[in-house]
């Protein structure tokens, strides 16, 4: 019996990969304009942003939604 294929576009994609792709595509400046959170606007880094996003569900959801909208461009 075969396993069904997931329809979730985030299936198997880590938060770190999502963030790295978004930063590579937009840069922290534009990312901070698109999602106005301190970890993108005040001394941003991948590490500090991951720490914040792992603890803050509403912010992580915004990043995931942006990633899904950006996927066709990546």
C-alpha atoms as a PDB file:
ATOM      1  CA  UNK A   1       0.000   0.000   0.000  1.00  0.00           C
ATOM      2  CA  UNK A   2       1.443   3.368  -1.060  1.00  0.00           C
ATOM      3  CA  UNK A   3       1.538   6.351   1.254  1.00  0.00           C
ATOM      4  CA  UNK A   4      -0.642   9.240   0.101  1.00  0.00           C
ATOM      5  CA  UNK A   5       1.199  12.316  -1.119  1.00  0.00           C
ATOM      6  CA  UNK A   6       0.794  15.315   1.172  1.00  0.00           C
ATOM      7  CA  UNK A   7      -0.957  18.371  -0.232  1.00  0.00           C
ATOM      8  CA  UNK A   8       0.763  20.559   2.359  1.00  0.00           C
ATOM      9  CA  UNK A   9       3.303  22.798   0.547  1.00  0.00           C
ATOM     10  CA  UNK A  10       5.308  23.025   3.782  1.00  0.00           C
ATOM     11  CA  UNK A  11       5.542  19.243   4.236  1.00  0.00           C
ATOM     12  CA  UNK A  12       9.175  18.346   4.909  1.00  0.00           C
ATOM     13  CA  UNK A  13      10.389  21.969   4.832  1.00  0.00           C
ATOM     14  CA  UNK A  14      12.073  23.204   8.007  1.00  0.00           C
ATOM     15  CA  UNK A  15      11.538  26.642   9.466  1.00  0.00           C
ATOM     16  CA  UNK A  16      15.246  27.301   8.952  1.00  0.00           C
ATOM     17  CA  UNK A  17      14.959  26.494   5.223  1.00  0.00           C
ATOM     18  CA  UNK A  18      11.881  28.721   4.919  1.00  0.00           C
ATOM     19  CA  UNK A  19      13.649  31.624   6.596  1.00  0.00           C
ATOM     20  CA  UNK A  20      16.884  31.173   4.624  1.00  0.00           C
ATOM     21  CA  UNK A  21      14.956  31.109   1.331  1.00  0.00           C
ATOM     22  CA  UNK A  22      12.948  34.209   2.219  1.00  0.00           C
ATOM     23  CA  UNK A  23      16.051  36.125   3.335  1.00  0.00           C
ATOM     24  CA  UNK A  24      17.893  35.088   0.159  1.00  0.00           C
ATOM     25  CA  UNK A  25      14.969  36.231  -1.994  1.00  0.00           C
ATOM     26  CA  UNK A  26      13.847  39.398  -0.171  1.00  0.00           C
ATOM     27  CA  UNK A  27      16.660  40.299   2.224  1.00  0.00           C
ATOM     28  CA  UNK A  28      15.944  41.311   5.823  1.00  0.00           C
ATOM     29  CA  UNK A  29      15.026  44.896   4.845  1.00  0.00           C
ATOM     30  CA  UNK A  30      12.148  43.900   2.567  1.00  0.00           C
ATOM     31  CA  UNK A  31      11.187  41.000   4.820  1.00  0.00           C
ATOM     32  CA  UNK A  32      10.862  43.472   7.694  1.00  0.00           C
ATOM     33  CA  UNK A  33       8.569  45.639   5.553  1.00  0.00           C
ATOM     34  CA  UNK A  34       6.414  42.672   4.516  1.00  0.00           C
ATOM     35  CA  UNK A  35       6.203  41.240   8.043  1.00  0.00           C
ATOM     36  CA  UNK A  36       6.735  43.988  10.593  1.00  0.00           C
ATOM     37  CA  UNK A  37       8.323  42.133  13.494  1.00  0.00           C
ATOM     38  CA  UNK A  38      11.320  43.245  15.516  1.00  0.00           C
ATOM     39  CA  UNK A  39      13.493  40.215  14.726  1.00  0.00           C
ATOM     40  CA  UNK A  40      13.502  41.295  11.034  1.00  0.00           C
ATOM     41  CA  UNK A  41      13.959  45.024  11.654  1.00  0.00           C
ATOM     42  CA  UNK A  42      16.295  45.364  14.642  1.00  0.00           C
ATOM     43  CA  UNK A  43      19.731  43.763  14.206  1.00  0.00           C
ATOM     44  CA  UNK A  44      18.349  40.766  12.260  1.00  0.00           C
ATOM     45  CA  UNK A  45      20.012  37.384  11.967  1.00  0.00           C
ATOM     46  CA  UNK A  46      18.852  33.916  11.004  1.00  0.00           C
ATOM     47  CA  UNK A  47      19.606  32.591  14.496  1.00  0.00           C
ATOM     48  CA  UNK A  48      17.713  35.275  16.429  1.00  0.00           C
ATOM     49  CA  UNK A  49      14.798  35.149  13.996  1.00  0.00           C
ATOM     50  CA  UNK A  50      14.533  31.361  14.325  1.00  0.00           C
ATOM     51  CA  UNK A  51      14.528  31.637  18.115  1.00  0.00           C
ATOM     52  CA  UNK A  52      11.682  34.168  17.998  1.00  0.00           C
ATOM     53  CA  UNK A  53       9.654  32.345  15.338  1.00  0.00           C
ATOM     54  CA  UNK A  54       9.876  29.008  17.158  1.00  0.00           C
ATOM     55  CA  UNK A  55       8.361  30.620  20.275  1.00  0.00           C
ATOM     56  CA  UNK A  56       5.780  32.850  18.576  1.00  0.00           C
ATOM     57  CA  UNK A  57       3.101  31.006  16.625  1.00  0.00           C
ATOM     58  CA  UNK A  58       1.395  34.066  15.067  1.00  0.00           C
ATOM     59  CA  UNK A  59       4.714  35.311  13.637  1.00  0.00           C
ATOM     60  CA  UNK A  60       5.648  31.851  12.352  1.00  0.00           C
ATOM     61  CA  UNK A  61       2.266  31.629  10.592  1.00  0.00           C
ATOM     62  CA  UNK A  62       2.905  34.961   8.843  1.00  0.00           C
ATOM     63  CA  UNK A  63       6.330  33.750   7.673  1.00  0.00           C
ATOM     64  CA  UNK A  64       4.877  30.442   6.451  1.00  0.00           C
ATOM     65  CA  UNK A  65       2.099  32.264   4.568  1.00  0.00           C
ATOM     66  CA  UNK A  66       4.624  34.558   2.880  1.00  0.00           C
ATOM     67  CA  UNK A  67       6.747  31.539   1.956  1.00  0.00           C
ATOM     68  CA  UNK A  68       3.755  29.810   0.340  1.00  0.00           C
ATOM     69  CA  UNK A  69       2.945  32.981  -1.656  1.00  0.00           C
ATOM     70  CA  UNK A  70       6.614  33.301  -2.666  1.00  0.00           C
ATOM     71  CA  UNK A  71       7.177  29.619  -3.614  1.00  0.00           C
ATOM     72  CA  UNK A  72       6.398  30.071  -7.331  1.00  0.00           C
ATOM     73  CA  UNK A  73       9.072  32.797  -7.520  1.00  0.00           C
ATOM     74  CA  UNK A  74      11.811  30.799  -5.765  1.00  0.00           C
END
